[in-house]
């Protein structure tokens, strides 16, 4: 049976790509979209999904959105902010998941985050992880904070997927997933559509539960 997925960040580029790819599947999942304003959604998407409006700190709206949900997919990106408002909302998101009995969560993050000691001194991590620190330091800090909050939730089945430069290329580009190091086969780009297909596949296969793979097209 297809899962019911709650999408956070549904109106962003990655969120919209995920929705379009998910709905195009032969046996599409049921989607709930949690958005600040439904007016930002294309009309055709709104007709095919359940939409709940609210802010990330609105626990009542989050609780409503998580009714009947099997998986949370967070495609939230960092804001141009001196604080970390999205990362700061994650403890509440995770608490709501627990209250509603939702165990599985995917969270988008940056190559700068790494919970695995095997990556500590790898050249791959240095190359992939340094660029966001230089180009978008505040955004990178928030994405690392999101990953830290999610990966600390030992009672949940989390996957933090780390991404390089995101593109609008095709969904059928192959995706490499793994630790950064000499054996990582991914490149410096990842199409949002292929990212969506990887998430949908991982929901079924569960190869990266409680892990933080780096993704990249190869």
Protein backbone atom coordinates (compact mmCIF):
# COMPACT_ATOMS: atom_id res chain seq x y z
CA UNK A 1 0.00 0.00 0.00
CA UNK A 2 1.31 3.46 -0.88
CA UNK A 3 2.38 5.59 2.08
CA UNK A 4 0.85 8.83 3.23
CA UNK A 5 3.56 11.49 3.17
CA UNK A 6 3.60 14.88 4.88
CA UNK A 7 5.70 17.34 2.87
CA UNK A 8 7.34 20.27 4.66
CA UNK A 9 8.67 22.96 2.36
CA UNK A 10 6.08 22.07 -0.24
CA UNK A 11 6.09 25.44 -2.02
CA UNK A 12 9.86 25.60 -2.56
CA UNK A 13 11.62 24.35 -5.69
CA UNK A 14 12.52 20.99 -4.18
CA UNK A 15 9.09 20.62 -2.60
CA UNK A 16 7.26 21.25 -5.86
CA UNK A 17 9.58 18.86 -7.70
CA UNK A 18 8.94 16.16 -5.10
CA UNK A 19 5.17 16.61 -5.35
CA UNK A 20 5.18 16.46 -9.16
CA UNK A 21 7.36 13.35 -9.24
CA UNK A 22 5.37 11.62 -6.48
CA UNK A 23 2.03 12.27 -8.16
CA UNK A 24 3.36 10.99 -11.49
CA UNK A 25 4.11 7.53 -10.10
CA UNK A 26 1.96 4.56 -11.25
CA UNK A 27 0.79 4.03 -7.67
CA UNK A 28 1.25 7.51 -6.17
CA UNK A 29 1.48 8.13 -2.43
CA UNK A 30 -1.13 10.18 -0.62
CA UNK A 31 0.32 13.64 0.00
CA UNK A 32 -0.39 16.14 2.75
CA UNK A 33 1.23 19.52 2.18
CA UNK A 34 1.96 21.77 5.14
CA UNK A 35 2.21 25.35 3.88
CA UNK A 36 2.04 28.89 5.17
CA UNK A 37 -0.28 29.85 2.31
CA UNK A 38 -2.07 27.57 -0.13
CA UNK A 39 -2.10 30.41 -2.65
CA UNK A 40 1.54 29.57 -3.45
CA UNK A 41 0.56 26.12 -4.72
CA UNK A 42 -0.31 25.50 -8.39
CA UNK A 43 -4.02 24.76 -8.75
CA UNK A 44 -3.47 21.29 -10.21
CA UNK A 45 -1.34 20.26 -7.22
CA UNK A 46 -3.85 21.59 -4.70
CA UNK A 47 -6.60 19.50 -6.30
CA UNK A 48 -4.60 16.27 -5.94
CA UNK A 49 -3.38 16.70 -2.37
CA UNK A 50 -4.50 17.47 1.15
CA UNK A 51 -3.35 20.94 2.19
CA UNK A 52 -2.98 22.20 5.76
CA UNK A 53 -2.03 25.82 6.38
CA UNK A 54 0.07 26.91 9.33
CA UNK A 55 3.49 27.94 10.57
CA UNK A 56 6.17 25.50 11.71
CA UNK A 57 5.59 26.62 15.30
CA UNK A 58 1.81 26.09 15.14
CA UNK A 59 1.51 22.80 17.00
CA UNK A 60 -2.24 22.53 16.44
CA UNK A 61 -1.83 22.87 12.67
CA UNK A 62 1.10 20.44 12.67
CA UNK A 63 -0.92 17.94 14.68
CA UNK A 64 -3.77 18.22 12.17
CA UNK A 65 -1.36 17.79 9.26
CA UNK A 66 0.14 14.61 10.74
CA UNK A 67 -3.17 12.79 11.06
CA UNK A 68 -2.82 9.46 9.25
CA UNK A 69 0.73 10.22 8.08
CA UNK A 70 3.37 7.48 7.67
CA UNK A 71 6.39 9.57 6.65
CA UNK A 72 7.50 13.19 7.02
CA UNK A 73 9.66 14.56 4.19
CA UNK A 74 11.30 17.87 5.00
CA UNK A 75 12.54 19.81 1.99
CA UNK A 76 12.82 22.99 4.00
CA UNK A 77 15.73 25.20 3.05
CA UNK A 78 17.43 27.87 5.12
CA UNK A 79 16.18 31.43 5.21
CA UNK A 80 18.34 34.51 4.70
CA UNK A 81 18.34 35.18 8.43
CA UNK A 82 20.79 35.89 11.20
CA UNK A 83 18.90 33.45 13.42
CA UNK A 84 17.87 29.84 12.71
CA UNK A 85 14.04 29.93 12.74
CA UNK A 86 13.54 26.71 10.78
CA UNK A 87 16.05 24.70 12.80
CA UNK A 88 14.55 26.11 16.00
CA UNK A 89 11.14 24.75 14.96
CA UNK A 90 12.34 21.16 14.59
CA UNK A 91 12.07 20.12 18.26
CA UNK A 92 8.37 20.96 18.02
CA UNK A 93 8.00 19.10 14.72
CA UNK A 94 9.65 16.01 16.20
CA UNK A 95 7.53 16.21 19.34
CA UNK A 96 4.38 16.35 17.23
CA UNK A 97 5.55 13.32 15.27
CA UNK A 98 5.94 11.39 18.52
CA UNK A 99 2.52 12.49 19.73
CA UNK A 100 0.90 11.32 16.48
CA UNK A 101 2.86 8.08 16.27
CA UNK A 102 4.83 9.03 13.14
CA UNK A 103 8.24 7.33 13.16
CA UNK A 104 9.85 8.04 9.76
CA UNK A 105 11.38 11.37 8.74
CA UNK A 106 13.61 12.55 5.91
CA UNK A 107 15.44 15.88 6.24
CA UNK A 108 17.36 17.83 3.62
CA UNK A 109 20.77 19.07 4.71
CA UNK A 110 24.24 20.15 3.62
CA UNK A 111 27.49 18.25 2.98
CA UNK A 112 28.99 20.22 5.88
CA UNK A 113 27.03 17.99 8.28
CA UNK A 114 28.55 14.60 9.01
CA UNK A 115 27.75 12.34 11.97
CA UNK A 116 30.05 9.57 10.71
CA UNK A 117 33.66 9.57 12.01
CA UNK A 118 34.74 7.80 8.82
CA UNK A 119 34.28 11.07 6.95
CA UNK A 120 36.24 13.24 9.34
CA UNK A 121 39.43 13.47 7.29
CA UNK A 122 38.22 12.54 3.82
CA UNK A 123 39.14 14.71 0.84
CA UNK A 124 35.58 14.30 -0.44
CA UNK A 125 34.10 15.83 2.66
CA UNK A 126 36.58 18.70 2.49
CA UNK A 127 35.68 19.48 -1.13
CA UNK A 128 31.90 19.12 -0.79
CA UNK A 129 31.61 20.55 2.70
CA UNK A 130 33.76 23.64 2.35
CA UNK A 131 31.84 25.40 -0.42
CA UNK A 132 28.52 26.01 1.43
CA UNK A 133 30.44 27.26 4.46
CA UNK A 134 32.08 29.90 2.27
CA UNK A 135 29.21 30.84 -0.06
CA UNK A 136 26.22 30.70 2.32
CA UNK A 137 27.59 30.50 5.86
CA UNK A 138 24.36 31.39 7.67
CA UNK A 139 22.23 29.12 5.52
CA UNK A 140 24.76 26.33 5.95
CA UNK A 141 24.69 26.77 9.73
CA UNK A 142 20.91 26.45 9.77
CA UNK A 143 20.93 23.33 7.59
CA UNK A 144 23.53 21.74 9.88
CA UNK A 145 21.38 22.62 12.90
CA UNK A 146 18.35 20.96 11.26
CA UNK A 147 20.39 17.80 10.65
CA UNK A 148 21.69 17.80 14.21
CA UNK A 149 18.17 18.05 15.63
CA UNK A 150 16.82 15.25 13.44
CA UNK A 151 19.78 12.89 13.86
CA UNK A 152 19.59 13.25 17.65
CA UNK A 153 16.08 11.75 17.64
CA UNK A 154 17.16 8.20 18.44
CA UNK A 155 13.59 7.04 18.91
CA UNK A 156 12.65 7.98 15.33
CA UNK A 157 13.62 6.37 12.01
CA UNK A 158 15.41 9.34 10.49
CA UNK A 159 17.38 9.84 7.31
CA UNK A 160 19.30 13.05 6.72
CA UNK A 161 20.10 13.34 3.02
CA UNK A 162 22.89 15.73 2.16
CA UNK A 163 22.92 17.38 -1.24
CA UNK A 164 25.29 19.29 -3.52
CA UNK A 165 24.17 21.95 -6.02
CA UNK A 166 20.52 21.30 -6.94
CA UNK A 167 19.40 21.56 -10.56
CA UNK A 168 16.22 21.37 -12.65
CA UNK A 169 17.43 18.47 -14.79
CA UNK A 170 15.62 15.20 -15.47
CA UNK A 171 14.30 12.73 -12.93
CA UNK A 172 15.95 9.72 -14.59
CA UNK A 173 19.52 10.80 -13.84
CA UNK A 174 21.16 8.10 -11.69
CA UNK A 175 21.76 9.00 -8.04
CA UNK A 176 24.72 7.86 -5.97
CA UNK A 177 24.21 7.69 -2.20
CA UNK A 178 26.97 7.10 0.29
CA UNK A 179 29.60 8.48 2.61
CA UNK A 180 31.96 11.15 1.34
CA UNK A 181 35.30 9.62 0.54
CA UNK A 182 37.22 7.95 -2.28
CA UNK A 183 34.39 5.50 -2.98
CA UNK A 184 31.66 8.11 -3.37
CA UNK A 185 30.53 8.12 -7.02
CA UNK A 186 28.27 11.18 -6.97
CA UNK A 187 29.08 14.48 -8.64
CA UNK A 188 28.68 18.10 -7.68
CA UNK A 189 25.10 18.34 -9.00
CA UNK A 190 21.80 16.67 -8.13
CA UNK A 191 18.53 17.21 -9.95
CA UNK A 192 15.59 17.92 -7.69
CA UNK A 193 13.48 15.41 -9.61
CA UNK A 194 16.02 12.59 -9.19
CA UNK A 195 16.29 13.54 -5.52
CA UNK A 196 12.52 13.03 -5.28
CA UNK A 197 12.73 9.60 -6.89
CA UNK A 198 15.52 8.62 -4.49
CA UNK A 199 13.39 9.61 -1.47
CA UNK A 200 10.41 7.64 -2.74
CA UNK A 201 12.62 4.60 -3.30
CA UNK A 202 14.23 4.90 0.13
CA UNK A 203 10.83 5.08 1.81
CA UNK A 204 10.27 1.55 0.53
CA UNK A 205 13.80 0.12 0.82
CA UNK A 206 14.90 1.66 4.17
CA UNK A 207 18.62 1.27 3.41
CA UNK A 208 19.58 4.56 5.10
CA UNK A 209 17.61 4.57 8.35
CA UNK A 210 19.52 6.49 11.07
CA UNK A 211 22.16 7.45 8.51
CA UNK A 212 23.12 10.60 6.60
CA UNK A 213 24.03 9.73 3.01
CA UNK A 214 25.45 12.24 0.57
CA UNK A 215 23.58 12.28 -2.73
CA UNK A 216 24.81 13.25 -6.19
CA UNK A 217 24.05 12.47 -9.81
CA UNK A 218 26.57 10.18 -11.44
